[in-house]
PDB file of N, CA and C in Angstrom:
ATOM      1  N   MET A   1     -23.311  27.365 -10.697  1.00  0.00           N
ATOM      2  CA  MET A   1     -23.093  26.324 -11.661  1.00  0.00           C
ATOM      3  C   MET A   1     -21.626  26.269 -12.097  1.00  0.00           C
ATOM      4  N   ILE A   2     -20.999  27.394 -12.259  1.00  0.00           N
ATOM      5  CA  ILE A   2     -19.609  27.429 -12.692  1.00  0.00           C
ATOM      6  C   ILE A   2     -18.675  27.152 -11.514  1.00  0.00           C
ATOM      7  N   GLY A   3     -19.091  27.487 -10.296  1.00  0.00           N
ATOM      8  CA  GLY A   3     -18.253  27.302  -9.108  1.00  0.00           C
ATOM      9  C   GLY A   3     -17.729  25.892  -8.924  1.00  0.00           C
ATOM     10  N   PRO A   4     -18.584  24.850  -8.969  1.00  0.00           N
ATOM     11  CA  PRO A   4     -18.076  23.491  -8.811  1.00  0.00           C
ATOM     12  C   PRO A   4     -17.095  23.082  -9.904  1.00  0.00           C
ATOM     13  N   LEU A   5     -17.316  23.547 -11.136  1.00  0.00           N
ATOM     14  CA  LEU A   5     -16.380  23.243 -12.214  1.00  0.00           C
ATOM     15  C   LEU A   5     -15.009  23.844 -11.946  1.00  0.00           C
ATOM     16  N   VAL A   6     -14.983  25.059 -11.474  1.00  0.00           N
ATOM     17  CA  VAL A   6     -13.716  25.722 -11.179  1.00  0.00           C
ATOM     18  C   VAL A   6     -12.999  25.002 -10.035  1.00  0.00           C
ATOM     19  N   VAL A   7     -13.739  24.662  -8.989  1.00  0.00           N
ATOM     20  CA  VAL A   7     -13.134  23.984  -7.832  1.00  0.00           C
ATOM     21  C   VAL A   7     -12.590  22.620  -8.227  1.00  0.00           C
ATOM     22  N   THR A   8     -13.359  21.833  -8.993  1.00  0.00           N
ATOM     23  CA  THR A   8     -12.870  20.504  -9.365  1.00  0.00           C
ATOM     24  C   THR A   8     -11.674  20.584 -10.304  1.00  0.00           C
ATOM     25  N   ASN A   9     -11.646  21.573 -11.190  1.00  0.00           N
ATOM     26  CA  ASN A   9     -10.471  21.734 -12.051  1.00  0.00           C
ATOM     27  C   ASN A   9      -9.239  22.116 -11.244  1.00  0.00           C
ATOM     28  N   ILE A  10      -9.401  22.983 -10.274  1.00  0.00           N
ATOM     29  CA  ILE A  10      -8.264  23.350  -9.422  1.00  0.00           C
ATOM     30  C   ILE A  10      -7.769  22.131  -8.654  1.00  0.00           C
ATOM     31  N   LEU A  11      -8.684  21.345  -8.100  1.00  0.00           N
ATOM     32  CA  LEU A  11      -8.292  20.133  -7.381  1.00  0.00           C
ATOM     33  C   LEU A  11      -7.608  19.132  -8.300  1.00  0.00           C
ATOM     34  N   TRP A  12      -8.140  18.949  -9.505  1.00  0.00           N
ATOM     35  CA  TRP A  12      -7.575  17.994 -10.450  1.00  0.00           C
ATOM     36  C   TRP A  12      -6.159  18.400 -10.868  1.00  0.00           C
ATOM     37  N   PHE A  13      -5.955  19.657 -11.220  1.00  0.00           N
ATOM     38  CA  PHE A  13      -4.627  20.086 -11.655  1.00  0.00           C
ATOM     39  C   PHE A  13      -3.635  20.104 -10.497  1.00  0.00           C
ATOM     40  N   THR A  14      -4.102  20.373  -9.288  1.00  0.00           N
ATOM     41  CA  THR A  14      -3.232  20.276  -8.115  1.00  0.00           C
ATOM     42  C   THR A  14      -2.812  18.825  -7.894  1.00  0.00           C
ATOM     43  N   ALA A  15      -3.748  17.901  -8.038  1.00  0.00           N
ATOM     44  CA  ALA A  15      -3.426  16.475  -7.877  1.00  0.00           C
ATOM     45  C   ALA A  15      -2.435  16.017  -8.938  1.00  0.00           C
ATOM     46  N   ILE A  16      -2.607  16.478 -10.181  1.00  0.00           N
ATOM     47  CA  ILE A  16      -1.673  16.101 -11.244  1.00  0.00           C
ATOM     48  C   ILE A  16      -0.267  16.594 -10.914  1.00  0.00           C
ATOM     49  N   SER A  17      -0.156  17.797 -10.399  1.00  0.00           N
ATOM     50  CA  SER A  17       1.174  18.320 -10.082  1.00  0.00           C
ATOM     51  C   SER A  17       1.806  17.564  -8.919  1.00  0.00           C
ATOM     52  N   ARG A  18       0.997  16.998  -8.034  1.00  0.00           N
ATOM     53  CA  ARG A  18       1.543  16.265  -6.883  1.00  0.00           C
ATOM     54  C   ARG A  18       1.890  14.825  -7.206  1.00  0.00           C
ATOM     55  N   VAL A  19       1.050  14.118  -7.953  1.00  0.00           N
ATOM     56  CA  VAL A  19       1.284  12.690  -8.185  1.00  0.00           C
ATOM     57  C   VAL A  19       1.809  12.374  -9.574  1.00  0.00           C
ATOM     58  N   GLY A  20       1.769  13.315 -10.481  1.00  0.00           N
ATOM     59  CA  GLY A  20       2.245  13.091 -11.838  1.00  0.00           C
ATOM     60  C   GLY A  20       1.108  12.702 -12.770  1.00  0.00           C
ATOM     61  N   PRO A  21       1.293  12.951 -14.058  1.00  0.00           N
ATOM     62  CA  PRO A  21       0.210  12.705 -15.016  1.00  0.00           C
ATOM     63  C   PRO A  21      -0.135  11.235 -15.212  1.00  0.00           C
ATOM     64  N   SER A  22       0.849  10.330 -15.148  1.00  0.00           N
ATOM     65  CA  SER A  22       0.539   8.917 -15.383  1.00  0.00           C
ATOM     66  C   SER A  22      -0.320   8.337 -14.265  1.00  0.00           C
ATOM     67  N   ARG A  23      -0.019   8.674 -13.035  1.00  0.00           N
ATOM     68  CA  ARG A  23      -0.825   8.183 -11.917  1.00  0.00           C
ATOM     69  C   ARG A  23      -2.193   8.867 -11.897  1.00  0.00           C
ATOM     70  N   ALA A  24      -2.240  10.134 -12.266  1.00  0.00           N
ATOM     71  CA  ALA A  24      -3.519  10.845 -12.307  1.00  0.00           C
ATOM     72  C   ALA A  24      -4.432  10.246 -13.374  1.00  0.00           C
ATOM     73  N   SER A  25      -3.877   9.835 -14.507  1.00  0.00           N
ATOM     74  CA  SER A  25      -4.708   9.218 -15.547  1.00  0.00           C
ATOM     75  C   SER A  25      -5.236   7.869 -15.098  1.00  0.00           C
ATOM     76  N   LEU A  26      -4.504   7.171 -14.247  1.00  0.00           N
ATOM     77  CA  LEU A  26      -5.008   5.922 -13.682  1.00  0.00           C
ATOM     78  C   LEU A  26      -6.274   6.183 -12.879  1.00  0.00           C
ATOM     79  N   PHE A  27      -6.266   7.231 -12.065  1.00  0.00           N
ATOM     80  CA  PHE A  27      -7.456   7.577 -11.293  1.00  0.00           C
ATOM     81  C   PHE A  27      -8.596   8.036 -12.200  1.00  0.00           C
ATOM     82  N   ALA A  28      -8.276   8.702 -13.292  1.00  0.00           N
ATOM     83  CA  ALA A  28      -9.314   9.122 -14.229  1.00  0.00           C
ATOM     84  C   ALA A  28      -9.990   7.906 -14.862  1.00  0.00           C
ATOM     85  N   ASN A  29      -9.212   6.857 -15.138  1.00  0.00           N
ATOM     86  CA  ASN A  29      -9.791   5.638 -15.696  1.00  0.00           C
ATOM     87  C   ASN A  29     -10.599   4.860 -14.669  1.00  0.00           C
ATOM     88  N   LEU A  30     -10.314   5.024 -13.401  1.00  0.00           N
ATOM     89  CA  LEU A  30     -11.058   4.330 -12.358  1.00  0.00           C
ATOM     90  C   LEU A  30     -12.338   5.060 -11.960  1.00  0.00           C
ATOM     91  N   GLN A  31     -12.507   6.284 -12.401  1.00  0.00           N
ATOM     92  CA  GLN A  31     -13.685   7.067 -12.015  1.00  0.00           C
ATOM     93  C   GLN A  31     -14.999   6.391 -12.407  1.00  0.00           C
ATOM     94  N   PRO A  32     -15.152   5.831 -13.619  1.00  0.00           N
ATOM     95  CA  PRO A  32     -16.414   5.148 -13.926  1.00  0.00           C
ATOM     96  C   PRO A  32     -16.670   3.950 -13.012  1.00  0.00           C
ATOM     97  N   PHE A  33     -15.618   3.253 -12.644  1.00  0.00           N
ATOM     98  CA  PHE A  33     -15.756   2.108 -11.735  1.00  0.00           C
ATOM     99  C   PHE A  33     -16.320   2.557 -10.389  1.00  0.00           C
ATOM    100  N   PHE A  34     -15.753   3.619  -9.826  1.00  0.00           N
ATOM    101  CA  PHE A  34     -16.234   4.124  -8.546  1.00  0.00           C
ATOM    102  C   PHE A  34     -17.659   4.665  -8.654  1.00  0.00           C
ATOM    103  N   ALA A  35     -17.999   5.259  -9.796  1.00  0.00           N
ATOM    104  CA  ALA A  35     -19.355   5.759  -9.994  1.00  0.00           C
ATOM    105  C   ALA A  35     -20.365   4.619  -9.983  1.00  0.00           C
ATOM    106  N   VAL A  36     -20.007   3.491 -10.588  1.00  0.00           N
ATOM    107  CA  VAL A  36     -20.912   2.334 -10.591  1.00  0.00           C
ATOM    108  C   VAL A  36     -21.065   1.768  -9.185  1.00  0.00           C
ATOM    109  N   ILE A  37     -19.981   1.672  -8.443  1.00  0.00           N
ATOM    110  CA  ILE A  37     -20.048   1.152  -7.072  1.00  0.00           C
ATOM    111  C   ILE A  37     -20.961   2.041  -6.220  1.00  0.00           C
ATOM    112  N   ILE A  38     -20.805   3.346  -6.352  1.00  0.00           N
ATOM    113  CA  ILE A  38     -21.652   4.265  -5.583  1.00  0.00           C
ATOM    114  C   ILE A  38     -23.107   4.138  -6.009  1.00  0.00           C
ATOM    115  N   ALA A  39     -23.358   3.987  -7.316  1.00  0.00           N
ATOM    116  CA  ALA A  39     -24.734   3.817  -7.798  1.00  0.00           C
ATOM    117  C   ALA A  39     -25.346   2.528  -7.271  1.00  0.00           C
ATOM    118  N   LEU A  40     -24.542   1.471  -7.197  1.00  0.00           N
ATOM    119  CA  LEU A  40     -25.057   0.209  -6.660  1.00  0.00           C
ATOM    120  C   LEU A  40     -25.432   0.337  -5.189  1.00  0.00           C
ATOM    121  N   ILE A  41     -24.582   1.020  -4.433  1.00  0.00           N
ATOM    122  CA  ILE A  41     -24.806   1.119  -2.990  1.00  0.00           C
ATOM    123  C   ILE A  41     -25.895   2.133  -2.657  1.00  0.00           C
ATOM    124  N   LEU A  42     -25.788   3.337  -3.194  1.00  0.00           N
ATOM    125  CA  LEU A  42     -26.701   4.409  -2.804  1.00  0.00           C
ATOM    126  C   LEU A  42     -28.037   4.402  -3.543  1.00  0.00           C
ATOM    127  N   LEU A  43     -28.021   4.003  -4.806  1.00  0.00           N
ATOM    128  CA  LEU A  43     -29.229   4.105  -5.620  1.00  0.00           C
ATOM    129  C   LEU A  43     -29.891   2.760  -5.895  1.00  0.00           C
ATOM    130  N   SER A  44     -29.320   1.680  -5.387  1.00  0.00           N
ATOM    131  CA  SER A  44     -29.832   0.315  -5.607  1.00  0.00           C
ATOM    132  C   SER A  44     -29.977   0.001  -7.098  1.00  0.00           C
ATOM    133  N   GLU A  45     -29.018   0.436  -7.882  1.00  0.00           N
ATOM    134  CA  GLU A  45     -29.019   0.154  -9.315  1.00  0.00           C
ATOM    135  C   GLU A  45     -28.664  -1.310  -9.565  1.00  0.00           C
ATOM    136  N   HIS A  46     -28.951  -1.792 -10.767  1.00  0.00           N
ATOM    137  CA  HIS A  46     -28.630  -3.157 -11.166  1.00  0.00           C
ATOM    138  C   HIS A  46     -27.683  -3.105 -12.352  1.00  0.00           C
ATOM    139  N   LEU A  47     -26.781  -4.085 -12.438  1.00  0.00           N
ATOM    140  CA  LEU A  47     -25.821  -4.146 -13.535  1.00  0.00           C
ATOM    141  C   LEU A  47     -26.250  -5.176 -14.563  1.00  0.00           C
ATOM    142  N   SER A  48     -26.023  -4.842 -15.822  1.00  0.00           N
ATOM    143  CA  SER A  48     -26.240  -5.816 -16.890  1.00  0.00           C
ATOM    144  C   SER A  48     -24.915  -6.516 -17.180  1.00  0.00           C
ATOM    145  N   ARG A  49     -24.985  -7.572 -17.967  1.00  0.00           N
ATOM    146  CA  ARG A  49     -23.757  -8.304 -18.327  1.00  0.00           C
ATOM    147  C   ARG A  49     -22.800  -7.430 -19.126  1.00  0.00           C
ATOM    148  N   LEU A  50     -23.335  -6.589 -19.975  1.00  0.00           N
ATOM    149  CA  LEU A  50     -22.504  -5.719 -20.796  1.00  0.00           C
ATOM    150  C   LEU A  50     -21.758  -4.702 -19.921  1.00  0.00           C
ATOM    151  N   GLU A  51     -22.399  -4.190 -18.903  1.00  0.00           N
ATOM    152  CA  GLU A  51     -21.747  -3.242 -17.990  1.00  0.00           C
ATOM    153  C   GLU A  51     -20.640  -3.922 -17.185  1.00  0.00           C
ATOM    154  N   VAL A  52     -20.884  -5.153 -16.764  1.00  0.00           N
ATOM    155  CA  VAL A  52     -19.848  -5.910 -16.049  1.00  0.00           C
ATOM    156  C   VAL A  52     -18.669  -6.177 -16.978  1.00  0.00           C
ATOM    157  N   ALA A  53     -18.958  -6.532 -18.235  1.00  0.00           N
ATOM    158  CA  ALA A  53     -17.891  -6.768 -19.212  1.00  0.00           C
ATOM    159  C   ALA A  53     -17.082  -5.496 -19.453  1.00  0.00           C
ATOM    160  N   GLY A  54     -17.743  -4.346 -19.501  1.00  0.00           N
ATOM    161  CA  GLY A  54     -17.029  -3.079 -19.668  1.00  0.00           C
ATOM    162  C   GLY A  54     -16.119  -2.776 -18.492  1.00  0.00           C
ATOM    163  N   GLY A  55     -16.599  -3.040 -17.280  1.00  0.00           N
ATOM    164  CA  GLY A  55     -15.766  -2.849 -16.095  1.00  0.00           C
ATOM    165  C   GLY A  55     -14.556  -3.762 -16.094  1.00  0.00           C
ATOM    166  N   LEU A  56     -14.769  -5.008 -16.501  1.00  0.00           N
ATOM    167  CA  LEU A  56     -13.637  -5.942 -16.587  1.00  0.00           C
ATOM    168  C   LEU A  56     -12.637  -5.505 -17.660  1.00  0.00           C
ATOM    169  N   ALA A  57     -13.134  -4.965 -18.766  1.00  0.00           N
ATOM    170  CA  ALA A  57     -12.240  -4.483 -19.821  1.00  0.00           C
ATOM    171  C   ALA A  57     -11.375  -3.333 -19.315  1.00  0.00           C
ATOM    172  N   ILE A  58     -11.958  -2.433 -18.533  1.00  0.00           N
ATOM    173  CA  ILE A  58     -11.186  -1.336 -17.950  1.00  0.00           C
ATOM    174  C   ILE A  58     -10.114  -1.888 -17.019  1.00  0.00           C
ATOM    175  N   ALA A  59     -10.494  -2.831 -16.147  1.00  0.00           N
ATOM    176  CA  ALA A  59      -9.538  -3.405 -15.195  1.00  0.00           C
ATOM    177  C   ALA A  59      -8.415  -4.142 -15.908  1.00  0.00           C
ATOM    178  N   VAL A  60      -8.754  -4.936 -16.922  1.00  0.00           N
ATOM    179  CA  VAL A  60      -7.733  -5.670 -17.669  1.00  0.00           C
ATOM    180  C   VAL A  60      -6.793  -4.700 -18.380  1.00  0.00           C
ATOM    181  N   GLY A  61      -7.329  -3.630 -18.939  1.00  0.00           N
ATOM    182  CA  GLY A  61      -6.492  -2.638 -19.611  1.00  0.00           C
ATOM    183  C   GLY A  61      -5.506  -1.972 -18.661  1.00  0.00           C
ATOM    184  N   ILE A  62      -5.961  -1.647 -17.462  1.00  0.00           N
ATOM    185  CA  ILE A  62      -5.074  -1.028 -16.478  1.00  0.00           C
ATOM    186  C   ILE A  62      -3.986  -1.999 -16.043  1.00  0.00           C
ATOM    187  N   VAL A  63      -4.367  -3.240 -15.752  1.00  0.00           N
ATOM    188  CA  VAL A  63      -3.384  -4.245 -15.322  1.00  0.00           C
ATOM    189  C   VAL A  63      -2.390  -4.522 -16.443  1.00  0.00           C
ATOM    190  N   PHE A  64      -2.886  -4.658 -17.672  1.00  0.00           N
ATOM    191  CA  PHE A  64      -2.014  -4.928 -18.807  1.00  0.00           C
ATOM    192  C   PHE A  64      -1.012  -3.799 -19.015  1.00  0.00           C
ATOM    193  N   GLU A  65      -1.459  -2.570 -18.907  1.00  0.00           N
ATOM    194  CA  GLU A  65      -0.561  -1.421 -19.088  1.00  0.00           C
ATOM    195  C   GLU A  65       0.501  -1.393 -18.009  1.00  0.00           C
ATOM    196  N   ARG A  66       0.125  -1.676 -16.782  1.00  0.00           N
ATOM    197  CA  ARG A  66       1.084  -1.617 -15.685  1.00  0.00           C
ATOM    198  C   ARG A  66       2.124  -2.731 -15.783  1.00  0.00           C
ATOM    199  N   ARG A  67       1.729  -3.903 -16.247  1.00  0.00           N
ATOM    200  CA  ARG A  67       2.663  -5.037 -16.327  1.00  0.00           C
ATOM    201  C   ARG A  67       3.533  -4.996 -17.567  1.00  0.00           C
ATOM    202  N   SER A  68       3.094  -4.348 -18.628  1.00  0.00           N
ATOM    203  CA  SER A  68       3.861  -4.326 -19.868  1.00  0.00           C
ATOM    204  C   SER A  68       4.917  -3.233 -19.888  1.00  0.00           C
ATOM    205  N   ARG A  69       4.946  -2.429 -18.874  1.00  0.00           N
ATOM    206  CA  ARG A  69       5.890  -1.322 -18.807  1.00  0.00           C
ATOM    207  C   ARG A  69       7.308  -1.852 -18.552  1.00  0.00           C
ATOM    208  N   VAL A  70       8.253  -1.354 -19.317  1.00  0.00           N
ATOM    209  CA  VAL A  70       9.651  -1.733 -19.148  1.00  0.00           C
ATOM    210  C   VAL A  70      10.267  -0.814 -18.100  1.00  0.00           C
ATOM    211  N   PRO A  71      10.913  -1.396 -17.059  1.00  0.00           N
ATOM    212  CA  PRO A  71      11.502  -0.520 -16.041  1.00  0.00           C
ATOM    213  C   PRO A  71      12.641   0.320 -16.615  1.00  0.00           C
ATOM    214  N   ALA A  72      12.690   1.553 -16.190  1.00  0.00           N
ATOM    215  CA  ALA A  72      13.736   2.479 -16.661  1.00  0.00           C
ATOM    216  C   ALA A  72      15.064   2.125 -16.018  1.00  0.00           C
ATOM    217  N   LEU A  73      16.129   2.261 -16.786  1.00  0.00           N
ATOM    218  CA  LEU A  73      17.464   2.015 -16.247  1.00  0.00           C
ATOM    219  C   LEU A  73      17.878   3.185 -15.376  1.00  0.00           C
ATOM    220  N   PRO A  74      18.551   2.898 -14.245  1.00  0.00           N
ATOM    221  CA  PRO A  74      18.990   3.999 -13.384  1.00  0.00           C
ATOM    222  C   PRO A  74      20.033   4.859 -14.095  1.00  0.00           C
ATOM    223  N   GLN A  75      19.923   6.146 -13.910  1.00  0.00           N
ATOM    224  CA  GLN A  75      20.848   7.092 -14.537  1.00  0.00           C
ATOM    225  C   GLN A  75      22.071   7.263 -13.628  1.00  0.00           C
ATOM    226  N   PRO A  76      23.252   7.307 -14.222  1.00  0.00           N
ATOM    227  CA  PRO A  76      24.443   7.542 -13.399  1.00  0.00           C
ATOM    228  C   PRO A  76      24.423   8.970 -12.849  1.00  0.00           C
ATOM    229  N   PRO A  77      24.990   9.157 -11.656  1.00  0.00           N
ATOM    230  CA  PRO A  77      25.000  10.518 -11.097  1.00  0.00           C
ATOM    231  C   PRO A  77      25.834  11.463 -11.956  1.00  0.00           C
ATOM    232  N   ALA A  78      25.350  12.681 -12.082  1.00  0.00           N
ATOM    233  CA  ALA A  78      26.057  13.705 -12.865  1.00  0.00           C
ATOM    234  C   ALA A  78      27.198  14.281 -12.041  1.00  0.00           C
ATOM    235  N   ASP A  79      28.308  14.480 -12.706  1.00  0.00           N
ATOM    236  CA  ASP A  79      29.488  15.066 -12.012  1.00  0.00           C
ATOM    237  C   ASP A  79      29.546  16.547 -12.182  1.00  0.00           C
TER     238      ASP A  79
END
């Protein structure tokens, strides 16, 4: 029971160190979306309107955050 938790934590922290925390949090926010897609395909689940609205809210939040970001100014090279 503890083994899978340890393995997933090691994988998660390794991924954060490779891609950075901001990109890793994007994937964390997409996890419920992927879980619903898998449930629809594998378990033949059905979606309610409220669940679809929640998925759209997640997508809009991610898009809004990515577009509202101000690009960083390039730093001059250090001498």
